[in-house]
């Protein structure tokens, strides 16, 4: 009887421990999920800001407007790495004449929890 009581007591303690560990694991997962969603949100906002800055630069620059809308390259337009030295990262405006991805073809897409699933 004493052995049976000890086994039941041990199993009960193990069940309680498993419940506590599963609750702790869920809390950690929930925290990580919130941090990931915050990171994605900040990245989206950052991309939107840079896109707006690029569009503003195109609106203010006659040479960039001519390049984007009329496909004309003015003689004074510097093309980093082609006809001028490369500048620091972040000092460029990338222009595409058709929609294109700036990611390399082997890049893995990130899982965006806020975008709808089709």
C-alpha atoms as a PDB file:
ATOM      1  CA  UNK A   1       0.000   0.000   0.000  1.00  0.00           C
ATOM      2  CA  UNK A   2       2.839   2.329   0.862  1.00  0.00           C
ATOM      3  CA  UNK A   3       4.527   1.701  -2.521  1.00  0.00           C
ATOM      4  CA  UNK A   4       1.262   2.397  -4.370  1.00  0.00           C
ATOM      5  CA  UNK A   5       0.792   5.631  -2.436  1.00  0.00           C
ATOM      6  CA  UNK A   6       4.358   6.688  -3.258  1.00  0.00           C
ATOM      7  CA  UNK A   7       3.881   5.970  -6.987  1.00  0.00           C
ATOM      8  CA  UNK A   8       0.607   7.926  -7.051  1.00  0.00           C
ATOM      9  CA  UNK A   9       2.235  10.817  -5.186  1.00  0.00           C
ATOM     10  CA  UNK A  10       5.186  10.842  -7.647  1.00  0.00           C
ATOM     11  CA  UNK A  11       2.890  10.756 -10.686  1.00  0.00           C
ATOM     12  CA  UNK A  12       0.799  13.577  -9.244  1.00  0.00           C
ATOM     13  CA  UNK A  13       3.903  15.698  -8.698  1.00  0.00           C
ATOM     14  CA  UNK A  14       5.103  14.933 -12.244  1.00  0.00           C
ATOM     15  CA  UNK A  15       1.706  15.943 -13.651  1.00  0.00           C
ATOM     16  CA  UNK A  16       1.814  19.239 -11.739  1.00  0.00           C
ATOM     17  CA  UNK A  17       5.375  19.838 -12.927  1.00  0.00           C
ATOM     18  CA  UNK A  18       4.373  19.122 -16.541  1.00  0.00           C
ATOM     19  CA  UNK A  19       1.505  21.616 -16.254  1.00  0.00           C
ATOM     20  CA  UNK A  20       3.789  24.313 -14.866  1.00  0.00           C
ATOM     21  CA  UNK A  21       6.382  23.685 -17.599  1.00  0.00           C
ATOM     22  CA  UNK A  22       3.751  23.816 -20.342  1.00  0.00           C
ATOM     23  CA  UNK A  23       2.364  27.102 -18.979  1.00  0.00           C
ATOM     24  CA  UNK A  24       5.907  28.519 -18.839  1.00  0.00           C
ATOM     25  CA  UNK A  25       6.615  27.335 -22.376  1.00  0.00           C
ATOM     26  CA  UNK A  26       3.432  28.978 -23.618  1.00  0.00           C
ATOM     27  CA  UNK A  27       4.373  32.244 -21.908  1.00  0.00           C
ATOM     28  CA  UNK A  28       7.803  32.181 -23.576  1.00  0.00           C
ATOM     29  CA  UNK A  29       6.214  31.429 -26.969  1.00  0.00           C
ATOM     30  CA  UNK A  30       3.700  34.248 -26.486  1.00  0.00           C
ATOM     31  CA  UNK A  31       6.493  36.708 -25.612  1.00  0.00           C
ATOM     32  CA  UNK A  32       8.569  35.648 -28.636  1.00  0.00           C
ATOM     33  CA  UNK A  33       5.532  35.971 -30.913  1.00  0.00           C
ATOM     34  CA  UNK A  34       4.856  39.512 -29.651  1.00  0.00           C
ATOM     35  CA  UNK A  35       8.515  40.467 -30.203  1.00  0.00           C
ATOM     36  CA  UNK A  36       8.425  39.023 -33.738  1.00  0.00           C
ATOM     37  CA  UNK A  37       5.239  40.923 -34.602  1.00  0.00           C
ATOM     38  CA  UNK A  38       6.812  44.116 -33.227  1.00  0.00           C
ATOM     39  CA  UNK A  39       9.918  43.536 -35.371  1.00  0.00           C
ATOM     40  CA  UNK A  40       7.835  42.982 -38.518  1.00  0.00           C
ATOM     41  CA  UNK A  41       5.751  46.088 -37.805  1.00  0.00           C
ATOM     42  CA  UNK A  42       8.857  48.236 -37.314  1.00  0.00           C
ATOM     43  CA  UNK A  43      10.414  46.841 -40.502  1.00  0.00           C
ATOM     44  CA  UNK A  44       7.261  47.632 -42.495  1.00  0.00           C
ATOM     45  CA  UNK A  45       7.175  51.175 -41.116  1.00  0.00           C
ATOM     46  CA  UNK A  46      10.869  51.621 -41.882  1.00  0.00           C
ATOM     47  CA  UNK A  47      10.406  50.429 -45.456  1.00  0.00           C
ATOM     48  CA  UNK A  48       7.473  52.784 -45.912  1.00  0.00           C
ATOM     49  CA  UNK A  49       9.549  55.709 -44.689  1.00  0.00           C
ATOM     50  CA  UNK A  50      12.390  54.887 -47.088  1.00  0.00           C
ATOM     51  CA  UNK A  51       9.977  54.492 -49.996  1.00  0.00           C
ATOM     52  CA  UNK A  52       8.489  57.904 -49.212  1.00  0.00           C
ATOM     53  CA  UNK A  53      11.983  59.426 -48.971  1.00  0.00           C
ATOM     54  CA  UNK A  54      12.865  57.947 -52.360  1.00  0.00           C
ATOM     55  CA  UNK A  55       9.658  59.245 -53.938  1.00  0.00           C
ATOM     56  CA  UNK A  56      10.335  62.695 -52.476  1.00  0.00           C
ATOM     57  CA  UNK A  57      13.881  62.620 -53.866  1.00  0.00           C
ATOM     58  CA  UNK A  58      12.498  61.787 -57.319  1.00  0.00           C
ATOM     59  CA  UNK A  59       9.945  64.596 -57.105  1.00  0.00           C
ATOM     60  CA  UNK A  60      12.630  67.143 -56.149  1.00  0.00           C
ATOM     61  CA  UNK A  61      15.291  66.087 -58.657  1.00  0.00           C
ATOM     62  CA  UNK A  62      14.839  66.869 -62.374  1.00  0.00           C
ATOM     63  CA  UNK A  63      17.471  64.286 -63.332  1.00  0.00           C
ATOM     64  CA  UNK A  64      15.798  61.504 -61.304  1.00  0.00           C
ATOM     65  CA  UNK A  65      12.374  62.443 -62.722  1.00  0.00           C
ATOM     66  CA  UNK A  66      13.763  62.309 -66.266  1.00  0.00           C
ATOM     67  CA  UNK A  67      15.364  58.929 -65.577  1.00  0.00           C
ATOM     68  CA  UNK A  68      12.259  57.427 -64.016  1.00  0.00           C
ATOM     69  CA  UNK A  69       9.503  58.756 -66.256  1.00  0.00           C
ATOM     70  CA  UNK A  70      11.231  59.389 -69.595  1.00  0.00           C
ATOM     71  CA  UNK A  71      14.070  56.869 -69.391  1.00  0.00           C
ATOM     72  CA  UNK A  72      16.583  59.663 -70.057  1.00  0.00           C
ATOM     73  CA  UNK A  73      19.928  59.719 -68.345  1.00  0.00           C
ATOM     74  CA  UNK A  74      21.219  63.244 -68.015  1.00  0.00           C
ATOM     75  CA  UNK A  75      24.947  63.711 -68.459  1.00  0.00           C
ATOM     76  CA  UNK A  76      25.491  65.013 -64.907  1.00  0.00           C
ATOM     77  CA  UNK A  77      23.707  62.103 -63.240  1.00  0.00           C
ATOM     78  CA  UNK A  78      26.083  60.032 -61.167  1.00  0.00           C
ATOM     79  CA  UNK A  79      25.556  56.302 -61.175  1.00  0.00           C
ATOM     80  CA  UNK A  80      27.473  54.826 -58.220  1.00  0.00           C
ATOM     81  CA  UNK A  81      29.826  52.107 -59.292  1.00  0.00           C
ATOM     82  CA  UNK A  82      29.340  52.934 -62.995  1.00  0.00           C
ATOM     83  CA  UNK A  83      30.479  56.510 -63.544  1.00  0.00           C
ATOM     84  CA  UNK A  84      31.302  57.543 -59.952  1.00  0.00           C
ATOM     85  CA  UNK A  85      32.655  56.151 -56.724  1.00  0.00           C
ATOM     86  CA  UNK A  86      30.292  54.202 -54.485  1.00  0.00           C
ATOM     87  CA  UNK A  87      28.813  56.176 -51.597  1.00  0.00           C
ATOM     88  CA  UNK A  88      27.862  55.041 -48.119  1.00  0.00           C
ATOM     89  CA  UNK A  89      24.911  52.647 -47.944  1.00  0.00           C
ATOM     90  CA  UNK A  90      21.670  54.551 -47.584  1.00  0.00           C
ATOM     91  CA  UNK A  91      22.705  57.381 -49.909  1.00  0.00           C
ATOM     92  CA  UNK A  92      21.142  55.786 -53.002  1.00  0.00           C
ATOM     93  CA  UNK A  93      17.777  55.940 -54.735  1.00  0.00           C
ATOM     94  CA  UNK A  94      16.991  52.770 -56.685  1.00  0.00           C
ATOM     95  CA  UNK A  95      14.798  53.217 -59.730  1.00  0.00           C
ATOM     96  CA  UNK A  96      12.996  50.412 -61.522  1.00  0.00           C
ATOM     97  CA  UNK A  97      10.993  50.911 -64.687  1.00  0.00           C
ATOM     98  CA  UNK A  98       8.811  47.911 -63.862  1.00  0.00           C
ATOM     99  CA  UNK A  99       7.906  46.253 -60.548  1.00  0.00           C
ATOM    100  CA  UNK A 100      10.856  44.239 -59.311  1.00  0.00           C
ATOM    101  CA  UNK A 101      12.133  42.687 -56.115  1.00  0.00           C
ATOM    102  CA  UNK A 102      15.282  43.975 -54.458  1.00  0.00           C
ATOM    103  CA  UNK A 103      15.782  40.603 -52.766  1.00  0.00           C
ATOM    104  CA  UNK A 104      18.079  38.027 -54.326  1.00  0.00           C
ATOM    105  CA  UNK A 105      16.268  35.094 -55.941  1.00  0.00           C
ATOM    106  CA  UNK A 106      17.418  32.645 -53.232  1.00  0.00           C
ATOM    107  CA  UNK A 107      16.109  34.805 -50.319  1.00  0.00           C
ATOM    108  CA  UNK A 108      13.530  33.175 -48.093  1.00  0.00           C
ATOM    109  CA  UNK A 109      10.385  35.274 -47.541  1.00  0.00           C
ATOM    110  CA  UNK A 110       9.508  36.092 -43.962  1.00  0.00           C
ATOM    111  CA  UNK A 111       6.249  34.997 -42.419  1.00  0.00           C
ATOM    112  CA  UNK A 112       4.142  38.154 -42.005  1.00  0.00           C
ATOM    113  CA  UNK A 113       1.454  37.532 -39.380  1.00  0.00           C
ATOM    114  CA  UNK A 114      -0.428  40.731 -40.264  1.00  0.00           C
ATOM    115  CA  UNK A 115      -0.913  39.981 -43.953  1.00  0.00           C
ATOM    116  CA  UNK A 116      -4.028  38.064 -45.042  1.00  0.00           C
ATOM    117  CA  UNK A 117      -3.700  34.482 -46.162  1.00  0.00           C
ATOM    118  CA  UNK A 118      -5.107  33.789 -49.630  1.00  0.00           C
END
